[in-house]
Amino acid sequence: MWQIGANPFQAALSTFGGGGFGSPSGAVGGIFGGGGGGLGMGMGGFGAGAAQGTGSPVQSDGEGDGTEPGSPEQSLSQEPTVIRVAGLQDPRDVRNGEEGERTLLQVRAKLFRLEAKAAPGGGGGGGGGGGGGGSSDTRPEWVEVGIGPVRVLQAQVPPAAGEGAAAAARAPSRVVMRRESHPGGAGTKVLLNVALRGKVEAASQSDKAVRLTAVLAKGSPPTTFLFKVKTNDEAAALLRCIREQVEQHAQHESGKAD
């Protein structure tokens, strides 16, 4: 009941528990955990997490050096770790089996090999009339093998007592060609390796091509190769060098027979 002369708004304010939003003991304050204090506790929880997590970075080893672990500045300031494994070859020390030989001549060439190819339409077999239709019609054809440096090599044989220049005459020689790693680069994979002895024949195929015929394996038929070089002079020099080594070996063998 309102009393006569009393302020009705004052009574209404008293009904909400004496400053319910401002006092922790008010009804509304009890619901939200102590009014402003409850919300303050909640915010305090977030504040504590920020203080421990992102508010202040956790320092580790190397604190105070001005860089974070894994930063580019720290990576540049540290020296790389080099691990040396015993038994591994230095990549700069590449050996190809030519270390004990001297190069008499080197030119860049394109290598071809002469192969027998079946002629178009050849080899047809007839079934009737007793005709011999099983003949193999083939024709020789130049097949490209690769491009790279061609070297005429001679083994470095130490002269015997009183032998002098005769040591070079008995030193074995060979012609080696390797596929170049890039145009004009060093040779890698072996394309040709022929010892310049025995029945090795060299001849001029054209102004810029030299033909070489040799037996690659015992009991196998001769194989013919073709070196195509850039200039006439290179072709002439290659032909002359190969012939000289073949003749030199032949003379040495004939001298031994006598």
Protein backbone atom coordinates (compact mmCIF):
# COMPACT_ATOMS: atom_id res chain seq x y z
CA MET A 1 0.00 0.00 0.00
CA TRP A 2 1.27 3.41 -0.79
CA GLN A 3 1.07 5.89 2.04
CA ILE A 4 -0.59 9.21 1.46
CA GLY A 5 2.03 11.82 0.74
CA ALA A 6 4.72 9.27 -0.07
CA ASN A 7 6.71 9.49 -3.31
CA PRO A 8 5.57 6.58 -5.52
CA PHE A 9 8.83 6.57 -7.57
CA GLN A 10 10.91 6.26 -4.43
CA ALA A 11 8.90 3.23 -3.41
CA ALA A 12 9.38 1.66 -6.82
CA LEU A 13 13.15 2.08 -6.57
CA SER A 14 13.13 0.43 -3.16
CA THR A 15 11.34 -2.59 -4.58
CA PHE A 16 14.43 -3.53 -6.75
CA GLY A 17 16.60 -4.14 -3.71
CA GLY A 18 18.36 -0.92 -2.95
CA GLY A 19 20.61 -0.20 -5.92
CA GLY A 20 20.33 -3.60 -7.55
CA PHE A 21 22.65 -2.78 -10.46
CA GLY A 22 25.27 -1.11 -8.36
CA SER A 23 25.32 -3.24 -5.21
CA PRO A 24 26.67 -6.86 -5.10
CA SER A 25 23.83 -7.78 -2.70
CA GLY A 26 21.04 -6.73 -5.10
CA ALA A 27 18.82 -9.22 -6.89
CA VAL A 28 20.16 -8.49 -10.31
CA GLY A 29 23.68 -8.38 -8.96
CA GLY A 30 23.24 -11.87 -7.56
CA ILE A 31 22.19 -13.26 -10.90
CA PHE A 32 25.25 -11.92 -12.78
CA GLY A 33 27.75 -12.90 -10.11
CA GLY A 34 28.00 -9.81 -7.97
CA GLY A 35 26.95 -7.09 -10.43
CA GLY A 36 29.89 -5.14 -11.70
CA GLY A 37 32.15 -7.29 -9.58
CA GLY A 38 31.05 -10.44 -11.40
CA LEU A 39 31.74 -8.98 -14.79
CA GLY A 40 35.01 -7.69 -13.47
CA MET A 41 36.02 -11.18 -12.42
CA GLY A 42 35.18 -12.46 -15.88
CA MET A 43 37.27 -9.82 -17.55
CA GLY A 44 39.94 -10.48 -15.04
CA GLY A 45 40.07 -14.06 -16.28
CA PHE A 46 40.75 -12.90 -19.80
CA GLY A 47 43.29 -10.41 -18.55
CA ALA A 48 45.22 -13.08 -16.73
CA GLY A 49 45.36 -15.24 -19.85
CA ALA A 50 46.74 -12.37 -21.88
CA ALA A 51 49.37 -11.68 -19.26
CA GLN A 52 50.59 -15.27 -19.34
CA GLY A 53 50.10 -16.00 -23.08
CA THR A 54 50.28 -13.11 -25.48
CA GLY A 55 50.74 -10.11 -23.20
CA SER A 56 54.43 -10.81 -22.57
CA PRO A 57 56.42 -13.20 -24.86
CA VAL A 58 57.94 -16.23 -23.19
CA GLN A 59 61.70 -15.90 -23.25
CA SER A 60 63.87 -18.90 -24.09
CA ASP A 61 67.55 -19.52 -24.67
CA GLY A 62 69.21 -16.52 -26.23
CA GLU A 63 66.96 -14.01 -24.41
CA GLY A 64 67.94 -10.45 -25.01
CA ASP A 65 69.78 -10.94 -28.31
CA GLY A 66 67.15 -8.93 -30.20
CA THR A 67 66.06 -11.83 -32.46
CA GLU A 68 63.45 -14.52 -32.18
CA PRO A 69 64.32 -18.20 -32.70
CA GLY A 70 64.09 -19.12 -36.36
CA SER A 71 64.15 -15.50 -37.58
CA PRO A 72 66.17 -14.66 -40.74
CA GLU A 73 68.51 -12.47 -38.69
CA GLN A 74 69.37 -15.35 -36.40
CA SER A 75 69.81 -17.75 -39.34
CA LEU A 76 72.24 -15.38 -41.03
CA SER A 77 74.25 -14.90 -37.86
CA GLN A 78 74.76 -18.62 -37.31
CA GLU A 79 77.41 -20.56 -39.21
CA PRO A 80 76.21 -23.61 -41.20
CA THR A 81 76.95 -27.02 -39.80
CA VAL A 82 79.23 -29.02 -42.11
CA ILE A 83 79.27 -32.78 -41.69
CA ARG A 84 82.07 -34.62 -43.44
CA VAL A 85 81.50 -38.27 -44.20
CA ALA A 86 84.52 -40.48 -44.60
CA GLY A 87 84.77 -42.28 -47.93
CA LEU A 88 82.75 -39.79 -50.00
CA GLN A 89 84.49 -38.39 -53.05
CA ASP A 90 84.95 -34.68 -53.43
CA PRO A 91 82.58 -33.63 -56.27
CA ARG A 92 85.37 -31.47 -57.70
CA ASP A 93 87.62 -34.54 -57.99
CA VAL A 94 85.91 -36.34 -60.86
CA ARG A 95 87.89 -39.22 -62.39
CA ASN A 96 87.04 -40.78 -65.74
CA GLY A 97 89.94 -43.18 -66.26
CA GLU A 98 91.94 -40.80 -68.46
CA GLU A 99 94.21 -39.47 -65.71
CA GLY A 100 97.23 -41.57 -66.78
CA GLU A 101 96.97 -40.56 -70.44
CA ARG A 102 97.90 -37.52 -72.44
CA THR A 103 95.60 -35.95 -75.01
CA LEU A 104 97.08 -35.90 -78.49
CA LEU A 105 94.04 -34.29 -80.10
CA GLN A 106 90.55 -33.15 -79.11
CA VAL A 107 87.73 -31.97 -81.36
CA ARG A 108 83.97 -31.66 -80.99
CA ALA A 109 82.02 -33.94 -83.28
CA LYS A 110 78.73 -35.66 -83.97
CA LEU A 111 79.04 -39.45 -83.99
CA PHE A 112 77.16 -41.81 -86.31
CA ARG A 113 77.16 -45.60 -86.50
CA LEU A 114 76.50 -47.56 -89.67
CA GLU A 115 73.68 -50.05 -89.14
CA ALA A 116 71.79 -52.41 -91.40
CA LYS A 117 68.16 -51.42 -91.69
CA ALA A 118 65.37 -53.36 -93.34
CA ALA A 119 64.42 -51.81 -96.65
CA PRO A 120 60.80 -50.64 -96.99
CA GLY A 121 58.69 -53.46 -98.40
CA GLY A 122 61.49 -55.99 -98.15
CA GLY A 123 61.43 -59.34 -96.44
CA GLY A 124 57.98 -60.34 -97.69
CA GLY A 125 57.46 -64.09 -97.72
CA GLY A 126 55.37 -65.79 -100.41
CA GLY A 127 53.58 -68.96 -99.48
CA GLY A 128 53.00 -70.67 -102.79
CA GLY A 129 54.74 -71.85 -105.91
CA GLY A 130 57.95 -72.80 -104.14
CA GLY A 131 59.34 -69.30 -104.50
CA GLY A 132 61.98 -68.20 -102.00
CA GLY A 133 60.15 -65.24 -100.59
CA GLY A 134 62.03 -65.23 -97.27
CA SER A 135 64.98 -63.09 -98.35
CA SER A 136 65.99 -60.27 -96.02
CA ASP A 137 66.40 -57.05 -97.96
CA THR A 138 68.49 -54.63 -95.87
CA ARG A 139 70.46 -51.51 -96.56
CA PRO A 140 73.10 -49.67 -94.49
CA GLU A 141 72.02 -46.48 -92.76
CA TRP A 142 73.82 -43.93 -90.60
CA VAL A 143 72.32 -43.71 -87.12
CA GLU A 144 73.21 -40.78 -84.87
CA VAL A 145 74.81 -41.78 -81.55
CA GLY A 146 75.49 -38.44 -79.89
CA ILE A 147 77.50 -35.21 -79.76
CA GLY A 148 80.54 -34.47 -77.65
CA PRO A 149 84.33 -34.22 -77.46
CA VAL A 150 86.50 -36.75 -79.32
CA ARG A 151 89.93 -37.38 -77.82
CA VAL A 152 92.89 -39.30 -79.15
CA LEU A 153 94.68 -40.46 -75.99
CA GLN A 154 98.03 -42.11 -75.39
CA ALA A 155 99.16 -43.79 -72.20
CA GLN A 156 102.10 -42.22 -70.40
CA VAL A 157 104.63 -45.04 -70.27
CA PRO A 158 107.88 -44.34 -68.42
CA PRO A 159 110.87 -45.09 -70.67
CA ALA A 160 113.03 -48.06 -69.83
CA ALA A 161 116.79 -47.78 -69.44
CA GLY A 162 118.32 -46.53 -72.69
CA GLU A 163 114.97 -46.59 -74.48
CA GLY A 164 114.48 -42.87 -75.01
CA ALA A 165 111.81 -41.93 -77.55
CA ALA A 166 110.98 -45.57 -78.21
CA ALA A 167 108.76 -45.54 -75.11
CA ALA A 168 106.18 -43.43 -76.93
CA ALA A 169 106.14 -45.91 -79.80
CA ARG A 170 105.10 -48.77 -77.54
CA ALA A 171 102.60 -46.72 -75.51
CA PRO A 172 99.04 -47.84 -76.31
CA SER A 173 96.63 -45.25 -77.68
CA ARG A 174 92.88 -45.08 -78.20
CA VAL A 175 90.12 -42.81 -79.45
CA VAL A 176 87.41 -41.95 -76.92
CA MET A 177 84.22 -39.99 -77.40
CA ARG A 178 81.82 -38.97 -74.64
CA ARG A 179 78.38 -37.38 -74.73
CA GLU A 180 78.63 -33.74 -73.69
CA SER A 181 76.70 -32.61 -70.61
CA HIS A 182 75.61 -29.41 -72.40
CA PRO A 183 76.50 -27.84 -75.76
CA GLY A 184 80.26 -27.46 -75.74
CA GLY A 185 80.52 -28.86 -72.20
CA ALA A 186 82.57 -31.67 -70.74
CA GLY A 187 81.93 -35.24 -71.85
CA THR A 188 80.23 -37.67 -69.50
CA LYS A 189 78.81 -40.94 -70.83
CA VAL A 190 81.14 -42.92 -73.10
CA LEU A 191 79.87 -43.22 -76.67
CA LEU A 192 82.95 -44.75 -78.28
CA ASN A 193 86.15 -46.36 -76.97
CA VAL A 194 88.39 -47.94 -79.61
CA ALA A 195 92.00 -49.03 -79.17
CA LEU A 196 94.09 -47.84 -82.10
CA ARG A 197 95.71 -51.14 -82.95
CA GLY A 198 95.11 -54.21 -85.04
CA LYS A 199 92.68 -53.89 -87.92
CA VAL A 200 91.60 -50.31 -87.37
CA GLU A 201 91.05 -48.31 -90.52
CA ALA A 202 90.49 -44.56 -90.82
CA ALA A 203 89.51 -42.77 -94.01
CA SER A 204 88.05 -39.48 -95.18
CA GLN A 205 84.32 -39.64 -95.83
CA SER A 206 84.00 -36.00 -96.89
CA ASP A 207 85.67 -32.67 -96.23
CA LYS A 208 84.23 -32.55 -92.70
CA ALA A 209 83.73 -36.23 -91.91
CA VAL A 210 86.09 -39.06 -90.92
CA ARG A 211 85.15 -42.73 -91.14
CA LEU A 212 86.52 -45.24 -88.61
CA THR A 213 86.16 -49.02 -88.87
CA ALA A 214 87.17 -51.30 -86.00
CA VAL A 215 86.37 -54.60 -84.32
CA LEU A 216 84.84 -53.75 -80.95
CA ALA A 217 84.77 -57.27 -79.51
CA LYS A 218 86.64 -60.46 -80.30
CA GLY A 219 84.76 -62.55 -82.82
CA SER A 220 82.32 -59.77 -83.76
CA PRO A 221 82.12 -58.22 -87.24
CA PRO A 222 83.71 -54.82 -87.84
CA THR A 223 81.69 -51.74 -86.93
CA THR A 224 81.91 -48.50 -88.89
CA PHE A 225 81.59 -45.07 -87.28
CA LEU A 226 81.54 -41.57 -88.70
CA PHE A 227 82.84 -38.40 -87.03
CA LYS A 228 81.28 -35.24 -88.42
CA VAL A 229 83.22 -32.14 -87.33
CA LYS A 230 82.84 -28.40 -87.88
CA THR A 231 85.74 -27.53 -90.19
CA ASN A 232 87.91 -29.15 -92.85
CA ASP A 233 91.02 -28.60 -90.73
CA GLU A 234 89.53 -30.47 -87.78
CA ALA A 235 88.64 -33.40 -90.00
CA ALA A 236 92.14 -33.50 -91.50
CA ALA A 237 93.80 -33.29 -88.08
CA LEU A 238 91.61 -36.06 -86.65
CA LEU A 239 92.30 -38.36 -89.59
CA ARG A 240 96.03 -37.72 -89.47
CA CYS A 241 96.28 -38.30 -85.71
CA ILE A 242 94.36 -41.59 -85.81
CA ARG A 243 96.41 -42.90 -88.72
CA GLU A 244 99.70 -42.00 -87.04
CA GLN A 245 98.78 -43.92 -83.91
CA VAL A 246 97.64 -46.98 -85.85
CA GLU A 247 100.84 -47.01 -87.94
CA GLN A 248 103.00 -46.44 -84.88
CA HIS A 249 101.48 -49.43 -83.13
CA ALA A 250 101.86 -51.58 -86.25
CA GLN A 251 105.56 -50.71 -86.50
CA HIS A 252 106.08 -51.51 -82.84
CA GLU A 253 104.41 -54.90 -83.25
CA SER A 254 106.46 -55.71 -86.35
CA GLY A 255 109.65 -54.76 -84.53
CA LYS A 256 108.79 -57.15 -81.71
CA ALA A 257 108.21 -59.95 -84.24
CA ASP A 258 111.67 -59.42 -85.76
